[in-house]
């Protein structure tokens, strides 16, 4: 009985296994406009980038250095304003 309940709870979660496409570069991104940026760090190194968008919101991007030295955009999130909050 416990196994049946466990499977009933687990099955909907297993069906939700979707992957998001990688974010597209936007104006202000390091790789916007098919620009190729080489970064002198070891492959796998994560690079943070922060800039304001056209509405003044803070955009935080993360890039990973590829084996050939280029940057690949892996994530983006947006903050509410561009004022730096120190924690």
PDB file of N, CA and C in Angstrom:
ATOM      1  N   UNK A   1       0.822  -1.194   0.000  1.00  0.00           N
ATOM      2  CA  UNK A   1       0.000   0.000   0.000  1.00  0.00           C
ATOM      3  C   UNK A   1       0.871   1.265   0.000  1.00  0.00           C
ATOM      4  N   UNK A   2       1.924   1.260   0.813  1.00  0.00           N
ATOM      5  CA  UNK A   2       2.801   2.436   0.874  1.00  0.00           C
ATOM      6  C   UNK A   2       3.499   2.649  -0.461  1.00  0.00           C
ATOM      7  N   UNK A   3       3.872   1.550  -1.112  1.00  0.00           N
ATOM      8  CA  UNK A   3       4.539   1.669  -2.407  1.00  0.00           C
ATOM      9  C   UNK A   3       3.598   2.250  -3.449  1.00  0.00           C
ATOM     10  N   UNK A   4       2.328   1.871  -3.402  1.00  0.00           N
ATOM     11  CA  UNK A   4       1.358   2.389  -4.363  1.00  0.00           C
ATOM     12  C   UNK A   4       1.156   3.884  -4.169  1.00  0.00           C
ATOM     13  N   UNK A   5       1.062   4.319  -2.927  1.00  0.00           N
ATOM     14  CA  UNK A   5       0.909   5.752  -2.646  1.00  0.00           C
ATOM     15  C   UNK A   5       2.156   6.509  -3.092  1.00  0.00           C
ATOM     16  N   UNK A   6       3.314   5.953  -2.840  1.00  0.00           N
ATOM     17  CA  UNK A   6       4.568   6.577  -3.250  1.00  0.00           C
ATOM     18  C   UNK A   6       4.620   6.738  -4.770  1.00  0.00           C
ATOM     19  N   UNK A   7       4.239   5.692  -5.509  1.00  0.00           N
ATOM     20  CA  UNK A   7       4.236   5.769  -6.967  1.00  0.00           C
ATOM     21  C   UNK A   7       3.204   6.771  -7.477  1.00  0.00           C
ATOM     22  N   UNK A   8       2.075   6.863  -6.810  1.00  0.00           N
ATOM     23  CA  UNK A   8       1.061   7.823  -7.223  1.00  0.00           C
ATOM     24  C   UNK A   8       1.545   9.263  -7.034  1.00  0.00           C
ATOM     25  N   UNK A   9       2.344   9.485  -6.019  1.00  0.00           N
ATOM     26  CA  UNK A   9       2.890  10.819  -5.791  1.00  0.00           C
ATOM     27  C   UNK A   9       4.081  11.115  -6.695  1.00  0.00           C
ATOM     28  N   UNK A  10       4.836  10.094  -7.034  1.00  0.00           N
ATOM     29  CA  UNK A  10       6.042  10.276  -7.832  1.00  0.00           C
ATOM     30  C   UNK A  10       5.758  10.396  -9.320  1.00  0.00           C
ATOM     31  N   UNK A  11       4.744   9.734  -9.815  1.00  0.00           N
ATOM     32  CA  UNK A  11       4.451   9.710 -11.242  1.00  0.00           C
ATOM     33  C   UNK A  11       4.188  11.096 -11.822  1.00  0.00           C
ATOM     34  N   UNK A  12       3.388  11.966 -11.200  1.00  0.00           N
ATOM     35  CA  UNK A  12       3.210  13.308 -11.779  1.00  0.00           C
ATOM     36  C   UNK A  12       4.504  14.120 -11.815  1.00  0.00           C
ATOM     37  N   UNK A  13       5.367  13.929 -10.850  1.00  0.00           N
ATOM     38  CA  UNK A  13       6.639  14.648 -10.858  1.00  0.00           C
ATOM     39  C   UNK A  13       7.537  14.165 -11.981  1.00  0.00           C
ATOM     40  N   UNK A  14       7.505  12.885 -12.257  1.00  0.00           N
ATOM     41  CA  UNK A  14       8.321  12.350 -13.341  1.00  0.00           C
ATOM     42  C   UNK A  14       7.841  12.849 -14.689  1.00  0.00           C
ATOM     43  N   UNK A  15       6.563  13.113 -14.834  1.00  0.00           N
ATOM     44  CA  UNK A  15       6.010  13.614 -16.089  1.00  0.00           C
ATOM     45  C   UNK A  15       6.385  15.067 -16.339  1.00  0.00           C
ATOM     46  N   UNK A  16       6.800  15.788 -15.319  1.00  0.00           N
ATOM     47  CA  UNK A  16       7.143  17.209 -15.443  1.00  0.00           C
ATOM     48  C   UNK A  16       8.596  17.442 -15.820  1.00  0.00           C
ATOM     49  N   UNK A  17       9.264  16.459 -16.283  1.00  0.00           N
ATOM     50  CA  UNK A  17      10.682  16.579 -16.600  1.00  0.00           C
ATOM     51  C   UNK A  17      10.859  17.254 -17.956  1.00  0.00           C
ATOM     52  N   UNK A  18      10.769  18.590 -17.979  1.00  0.00           N
ATOM     53  CA  UNK A  18      10.963  19.351 -19.197  1.00  0.00           C
ATOM     54  C   UNK A  18      12.229  20.183 -19.061  1.00  0.00           C
ATOM     55  N   UNK A  19      12.863  20.462 -20.165  1.00  0.00           N
ATOM     56  CA  UNK A  19      14.062  21.293 -20.147  1.00  0.00           C
ATOM     57  C   UNK A  19      13.758  22.604 -20.842  1.00  0.00           C
ATOM     58  N   UNK A  20      14.288  23.678 -20.307  1.00  0.00           N
ATOM     59  CA  UNK A  20      14.114  25.003 -20.891  1.00  0.00           C
ATOM     60  C   UNK A  20      15.199  25.223 -21.934  1.00  0.00           C
ATOM     61  N   UNK A  21      14.875  25.883 -23.039  1.00  0.00           N
ATOM     62  CA  UNK A  21      15.923  26.215 -24.004  1.00  0.00           C
ATOM     63  C   UNK A  21      16.850  27.262 -23.398  1.00  0.00           C
ATOM     64  N   UNK A  22      18.091  27.301 -23.826  1.00  0.00           N
ATOM     65  CA  UNK A  22      19.005  28.318 -23.272  1.00  0.00           C
ATOM     66  C   UNK A  22      18.519  29.711 -23.645  1.00  0.00           C
ATOM     67  N   UNK A  23      18.779  30.705 -22.789  1.00  0.00           N
ATOM     68  CA  UNK A  23      18.323  32.070 -23.086  1.00  0.00           C
ATOM     69  C   UNK A  23      19.051  32.637 -24.304  1.00  0.00           C
ATOM     70  N   UNK A  24      18.343  33.469 -25.034  1.00  0.00           N
ATOM     71  CA  UNK A  24      18.933  34.150 -26.188  1.00  0.00           C
ATOM     72  C   UNK A  24      19.601  35.437 -25.723  1.00  0.00           C
ATOM     73  N   UNK A  25      20.740  35.812 -26.322  1.00  0.00           N
ATOM     74  CA  UNK A  25      21.379  37.073 -25.942  1.00  0.00           C
ATOM     75  C   UNK A  25      20.466  38.258 -26.242  1.00  0.00           C
ATOM     76  N   UNK A  26      20.489  39.257 -25.361  1.00  0.00           N
ATOM     77  CA  UNK A  26      19.717  40.480 -25.561  1.00  0.00           C
ATOM     78  C   UNK A  26      20.676  41.664 -25.569  1.00  0.00           C
ATOM     79  N   UNK A  27      20.171  42.829 -25.966  1.00  0.00           N
ATOM     80  CA  UNK A  27      21.032  44.020 -26.013  1.00  0.00           C
ATOM     81  C   UNK A  27      21.653  44.244 -24.641  1.00  0.00           C
ATOM     82  N   UNK A  28      22.976  44.301 -24.590  1.00  0.00           N
ATOM     83  CA  UNK A  28      23.712  44.423 -23.341  1.00  0.00           C
ATOM     84  C   UNK A  28      24.437  43.140 -22.965  1.00  0.00           C
ATOM     85  N   UNK A  29      24.008  42.010 -23.542  1.00  0.00           N
ATOM     86  CA  UNK A  29      24.685  40.737 -23.292  1.00  0.00           C
ATOM     87  C   UNK A  29      26.064  40.736 -23.939  1.00  0.00           C
ATOM     88  N   UNK A  30      26.959  39.949 -23.391  1.00  0.00           N
ATOM     89  CA  UNK A  30      28.313  39.880 -23.940  1.00  0.00           C
ATOM     90  C   UNK A  30      28.329  39.268 -25.329  1.00  0.00           C
ATOM     91  N   UNK A  31      27.371  38.395 -25.638  1.00  0.00           N
ATOM     92  CA  UNK A  31      27.357  37.704 -26.934  1.00  0.00           C
ATOM     93  C   UNK A  31      26.225  38.189 -27.833  1.00  0.00           C
ATOM     94  N   UNK A  32      25.706  39.403 -27.608  1.00  0.00           N
ATOM     95  CA  UNK A  32      24.602  39.941 -28.407  1.00  0.00           C
ATOM     96  C   UNK A  32      25.064  40.230 -29.831  1.00  0.00           C
ATOM     97  N   UNK A  33      24.227  39.953 -30.810  1.00  0.00           N
ATOM     98  CA  UNK A  33      24.550  40.228 -32.208  1.00  0.00           C
ATOM     99  C   UNK A  33      25.577  39.280 -32.780  1.00  0.00           C
ATOM    100  N   UNK A  34      25.562  38.021 -32.339  1.00  0.00           N
ATOM    101  CA  UNK A  34      26.514  36.995 -32.798  1.00  0.00           C
ATOM    102  C   UNK A  34      27.964  37.399 -32.560  1.00  0.00           C
ATOM    103  N   UNK A  35      28.189  38.213 -31.537  1.00  0.00           N
ATOM    104  CA  UNK A  35      29.540  38.634 -31.181  1.00  0.00           C
ATOM    105  C   UNK A  35      30.239  37.460 -30.490  1.00  0.00           C
ATOM    106  N   UNK A  36      31.475  37.199 -30.863  1.00  0.00           N
ATOM    107  CA  UNK A  36      32.261  36.125 -30.249  1.00  0.00           C
ATOM    108  C   UNK A  36      33.216  36.758 -29.247  1.00  0.00           C
ATOM    109  N   UNK A  37      33.120  36.326 -28.005  1.00  0.00           N
ATOM    110  CA  UNK A  37      33.958  36.854 -26.932  1.00  0.00           C
ATOM    111  C   UNK A  37      34.848  35.727 -26.433  1.00  0.00           C
ATOM    112  N   UNK A  38      36.147  35.960 -26.433  1.00  0.00           N
ATOM    113  CA  UNK A  38      37.095  34.978 -25.892  1.00  0.00           C
ATOM    114  C   UNK A  38      37.487  35.407 -24.495  1.00  0.00           C
ATOM    115  N   UNK A  39      37.507  34.456 -23.583  1.00  0.00           N
ATOM    116  CA  UNK A  39      37.802  34.750 -22.183  1.00  0.00           C
ATOM    117  C   UNK A  39      38.973  33.877 -21.769  1.00  0.00           C
ATOM    118  N   UNK A  40      39.987  34.477 -21.175  1.00  0.00           N
ATOM    119  CA  UNK A  40      41.205  33.759 -20.819  1.00  0.00           C
ATOM    120  C   UNK A  40      41.115  33.023 -19.496  1.00  0.00           C
ATOM    121  N   UNK A  41      40.166  32.127 -19.369  1.00  0.00           N
ATOM    122  CA  UNK A  41      40.022  31.330 -18.149  1.00  0.00           C
ATOM    123  C   UNK A  41      39.891  29.864 -18.552  1.00  0.00           C
ATOM    124  N   UNK A  42      40.003  28.992 -17.572  1.00  0.00           N
ATOM    125  CA  UNK A  42      39.913  27.559 -17.832  1.00  0.00           C
ATOM    126  C   UNK A  42      38.501  27.187 -18.292  1.00  0.00           C
ATOM    127  N   UNK A  43      38.373  26.207 -19.166  1.00  0.00           N
ATOM    128  CA  UNK A  43      37.045  25.749 -19.573  1.00  0.00           C
ATOM    129  C   UNK A  43      36.217  25.326 -18.366  1.00  0.00           C
ATOM    130  N   UNK A  44      34.948  25.702 -18.371  1.00  0.00           N
ATOM    131  CA  UNK A  44      34.060  25.397 -17.259  1.00  0.00           C
ATOM    132  C   UNK A  44      33.949  26.520 -16.252  1.00  0.00           C
ATOM    133  N   UNK A  45      34.817  27.525 -16.345  1.00  0.00           N
ATOM    134  CA  UNK A  45      34.773  28.669 -15.434  1.00  0.00           C
ATOM    135  C   UNK A  45      33.487  29.453 -15.684  1.00  0.00           C
ATOM    136  N   UNK A  46      32.811  29.893 -14.624  1.00  0.00           N
ATOM    137  CA  UNK A  46      31.566  30.648 -14.745  1.00  0.00           C
ATOM    138  C   UNK A  46      31.877  32.146 -14.645  1.00  0.00           C
ATOM    139  N   UNK A  47      31.336  32.905 -15.587  1.00  0.00           N
ATOM    140  CA  UNK A  47      31.537  34.350 -15.650  1.00  0.00           C
ATOM    141  C   UNK A  47      30.200  35.032 -15.393  1.00  0.00           C
ATOM    142  N   UNK A  48      30.161  35.966 -14.443  1.00  0.00           N
ATOM    143  CA  UNK A  48      28.952  36.739 -14.146  1.00  0.00           C
ATOM    144  C   UNK A  48      29.001  38.054 -14.903  1.00  0.00           C
ATOM    145  N   UNK A  49      27.844  38.497 -15.383  1.00  0.00           N
ATOM    146  CA  UNK A  49      27.736  39.770 -16.097  1.00  0.00           C
ATOM    147  C   UNK A  49      26.447  40.448 -15.652  1.00  0.00           C
ATOM    148  N   UNK A  50      26.514  41.739 -15.398  1.00  0.00           N
ATOM    149  CA  UNK A  50      25.370  42.506 -14.910  1.00  0.00           C
ATOM    150  C   UNK A  50      25.261  43.795 -15.708  1.00  0.00           C
ATOM    151  N   UNK A  51      24.041  44.148 -16.134  1.00  0.00           N
ATOM    152  CA  UNK A  51      23.821  45.364 -16.905  1.00  0.00           C
ATOM    153  C   UNK A  51      22.361  45.785 -16.782  1.00  0.00           C
ATOM    154  N   UNK A  52      22.036  47.054 -17.094  1.00  0.00           N
ATOM    155  CA  UNK A  52      20.637  47.490 -17.072  1.00  0.00           C
ATOM    156  C   UNK A  52      19.973  47.204 -18.415  1.00  0.00           C
ATOM    157  N   UNK A  53      18.699  46.810 -18.389  1.00  0.00           N
ATOM    158  CA  UNK A  53      17.982  46.637 -19.647  1.00  0.00           C
ATOM    159  C   UNK A  53      17.375  47.976 -20.062  1.00  0.00           C
ATOM    160  N   UNK A  54      16.580  47.987 -21.123  1.00  0.00           N
ATOM    161  CA  UNK A  54      16.064  49.255 -21.644  1.00  0.00           C
ATOM    162  C   UNK A  54      15.057  49.922 -20.717  1.00  0.00           C
ATOM    163  N   UNK A  55      14.528  49.181 -19.737  1.00  0.00           N
ATOM    164  CA  UNK A  55      13.586  49.755 -18.788  1.00  0.00           C
ATOM    165  C   UNK A  55      14.236  50.095 -17.453  1.00  0.00           C
ATOM    166  N   UNK A  56      15.538  49.861 -17.311  1.00  0.00           N
ATOM    167  CA  UNK A  56      16.245  50.174 -16.084  1.00  0.00           C
ATOM    168  C   UNK A  56      16.327  49.037 -15.088  1.00  0.00           C
ATOM    169  N   UNK A  57      15.776  47.881 -15.434  1.00  0.00           N
ATOM    170  CA  UNK A  57      15.866  46.725 -14.542  1.00  0.00           C
ATOM    171  C   UNK A  57      17.254  46.119 -14.615  1.00  0.00           C
ATOM    172  N   UNK A  58      17.700  45.525 -13.505  1.00  0.00           N
ATOM    173  CA  UNK A  58      19.006  44.876 -13.472  1.00  0.00           C
ATOM    174  C   UNK A  58      18.888  43.497 -14.109  1.00  0.00           C
ATOM    175  N   UNK A  59      19.811  43.178 -14.986  1.00  0.00           N
ATOM    176  CA  UNK A  59      19.859  41.875 -15.637  1.00  0.00           C
ATOM    177  C   UNK A  59      21.144  41.196 -15.190  1.00  0.00           C
ATOM    178  N   UNK A  60      21.018  39.988 -14.659  1.00  0.00           N
ATOM    179  CA  UNK A  60      22.163  39.203 -14.208  1.00  0.00           C
ATOM    180  C   UNK A  60      22.293  38.000 -15.137  1.00  0.00           C
ATOM    181  N   UNK A  61      23.439  37.856 -15.774  1.00  0.00           N
ATOM    182  CA  UNK A  61      23.665  36.727 -16.670  1.00  0.00           C
ATOM    183  C   UNK A  61      24.854  35.914 -16.184  1.00  0.00           C
ATOM    184  N   UNK A  62      24.803  34.632 -16.478  1.00  0.00           N
ATOM    185  CA  UNK A  62      25.923  33.732 -16.196  1.00  0.00           C
ATOM    186  C   UNK A  62      26.344  33.083 -17.505  1.00  0.00           C
ATOM    187  N   UNK A  63      27.642  33.077 -17.732  1.00  0.00           N
ATOM    188  CA  UNK A  63      28.235  32.443 -18.899  1.00  0.00           C
ATOM    189  C   UNK A  63      29.182  31.361 -18.426  1.00  0.00           C
ATOM    190  N   UNK A  64      29.402  30.362 -19.253  1.00  0.00           N
ATOM    191  CA  UNK A  64      30.404  29.348 -18.960  1.00  0.00           C
ATOM    192  C   UNK A  64      31.423  29.377 -20.101  1.00  0.00           C
ATOM    193  N   UNK A  65      32.708  29.246 -19.744  1.00  0.00           N
ATOM    194  CA  UNK A  65      33.777  29.255 -20.729  1.00  0.00           C
ATOM    195  C   UNK A  65      33.827  27.884 -21.402  1.00  0.00           C
ATOM    196  N   UNK A  66      33.741  27.892 -22.725  1.00  0.00           N
ATOM    197  CA  UNK A  66      33.790  26.662 -23.515  1.00  0.00           C
ATOM    198  C   UNK A  66      35.253  26.227 -23.720  1.00  0.00           C
ATOM    199  N   UNK A  67      35.488  24.990 -24.178  1.00  0.00           N
ATOM    200  CA  UNK A  67      36.868  24.525 -24.391  1.00  0.00           C
ATOM    201  C   UNK A  67      37.679  25.382 -25.367  1.00  0.00           C
ATOM    202  N   UNK A  68      37.007  26.050 -26.331  1.00  0.00           N
ATOM    203  CA  UNK A  68      37.745  26.896 -27.275  1.00  0.00           C
ATOM    204  C   UNK A  68      37.938  28.326 -26.764  1.00  0.00           C
ATOM    205  N   UNK A  69      37.479  28.625 -25.538  1.00  0.00           N
ATOM    206  CA  UNK A  69      37.672  29.940 -24.935  1.00  0.00           C
ATOM    207  C   UNK A  69      36.502  30.885 -25.127  1.00  0.00           C
ATOM    208  N   UNK A  70      35.490  30.497 -25.899  1.00  0.00           N
ATOM    209  CA  UNK A  70      34.333  31.360 -26.096  1.00  0.00           C
ATOM    210  C   UNK A  70      33.380  31.237 -24.912  1.00  0.00           C
ATOM    211  N   UNK A  71      32.455  32.195 -24.812  1.00  0.00           N
ATOM    212  CA  UNK A  71      31.486  32.201 -23.729  1.00  0.00           C
ATOM    213  C   UNK A  71      30.139  31.693 -24.219  1.00  0.00           C
ATOM    214  N   UNK A  72      29.462  30.916 -23.379  1.00  0.00           N
ATOM    215  CA  UNK A  72      28.123  30.415 -23.680  1.00  0.00           C
ATOM    216  C   UNK A  72      27.188  30.891 -22.583  1.00  0.00           C
ATOM    217  N   UNK A  73      26.101  31.560 -22.964  1.00  0.00           N
ATOM    218  CA  UNK A  73      25.102  32.062 -22.020  1.00  0.00           C
ATOM    219  C   UNK A  73      24.306  30.889 -21.473  1.00  0.00           C
ATOM    220  N   UNK A  74      24.302  30.743 -20.129  1.00  0.00           N
ATOM    221  CA  UNK A  74      23.600  29.607 -19.538  1.00  0.00           C
ATOM    222  C   UNK A  74      22.402  30.017 -18.698  1.00  0.00           C
ATOM    223  N   UNK A  75      22.373  31.243 -18.147  1.00  0.00           N
ATOM    224  CA  UNK A  75      21.213  31.654 -17.363  1.00  0.00           C
ATOM    225  C   UNK A  75      21.111  33.172 -17.331  1.00  0.00           C
ATOM    226  N   UNK A  76      19.869  33.629 -17.079  1.00  0.00           N
ATOM    227  CA  UNK A  76      19.598  35.063 -16.966  1.00  0.00           C
ATOM    228  C   UNK A  76      18.472  35.244 -15.958  1.00  0.00           C
ATOM    229  N   UNK A  77      18.594  36.265 -15.115  1.00  0.00           N
ATOM    230  CA  UNK A  77      17.504  36.655 -14.239  1.00  0.00           C
ATOM    231  C   UNK A  77      17.484  38.173 -14.181  1.00  0.00           C
ATOM    232  N   UNK A  78      16.336  38.714 -13.829  1.00  0.00           N
ATOM    233  CA  UNK A  78      16.136  40.153 -13.829  1.00  0.00           C
ATOM    234  C   UNK A  78      15.743  40.611 -12.436  1.00  0.00           C
ATOM    235  N   UNK A  79      16.357  41.718 -11.997  1.00  0.00           N
ATOM    236  CA  UNK A  79      16.024  42.314 -10.710  1.00  0.00           C
ATOM    237  C   UNK A  79      15.062  43.466 -10.892  1.00  0.00           C
ATOM    238  N   UNK A  80      14.622  44.054  -9.791  1.00  0.00           N
ATOM    239  CA  UNK A  80      13.596  45.087  -9.859  1.00  0.00           C
ATOM    240  C   UNK A  80      14.133  46.468 -10.232  1.00  0.00           C
ATOM    241  N   UNK A  81      15.357  46.771  -9.879  1.00  0.00           N
ATOM    242  CA  UNK A  81      15.917  48.065 -10.247  1.00  0.00           C
ATOM    243  C   UNK A  81      17.418  47.936 -10.391  1.00  0.00           C
ATOM    244  N   UNK A  82      18.073  49.019 -10.758  1.00  0.00           N
ATOM    245  CA  UNK A  82      19.508  48.949 -10.995  1.00  0.00           C
ATOM    246  C   UNK A  82      20.332  49.424  -9.807  1.00  0.00           C
ATOM    247  N   UNK A  83      19.739  49.720  -8.689  1.00  0.00           N
ATOM    248  CA  UNK A  83      20.499  50.172  -7.524  1.00  0.00           C
ATOM    249  C   UNK A  83      21.129  48.972  -6.827  1.00  0.00           C
ATOM    250  N   UNK A  84      22.395  49.080  -6.546  1.00  0.00           N
ATOM    251  CA  UNK A  84      23.145  47.979  -5.927  1.00  0.00           C
ATOM    252  C   UNK A  84      22.745  47.836  -4.464  1.00  0.00           C
ATOM    253  N   UNK A  85      22.367  46.638  -4.073  1.00  0.00           N
ATOM    254  CA  UNK A  85      22.015  46.368  -2.692  1.00  0.00           C
ATOM    255  C   UNK A  85      23.110  45.486  -2.106  1.00  0.00           C
ATOM    256  N   UNK A  86      23.823  45.994  -1.098  1.00  0.00           N
ATOM    257  CA  UNK A  86      24.891  45.218  -0.464  1.00  0.00           C
ATOM    258  C   UNK A  86      24.310  44.393   0.663  1.00  0.00           C
ATOM    259  N   UNK A  87      24.652  43.116   0.677  1.00  0.00           N
ATOM    260  CA  UNK A  87      24.149  42.237   1.738  1.00  0.00           C
ATOM    261  C   UNK A  87      25.244  41.830   2.652  1.00  0.00           C
TER     262      UNK A  87
END
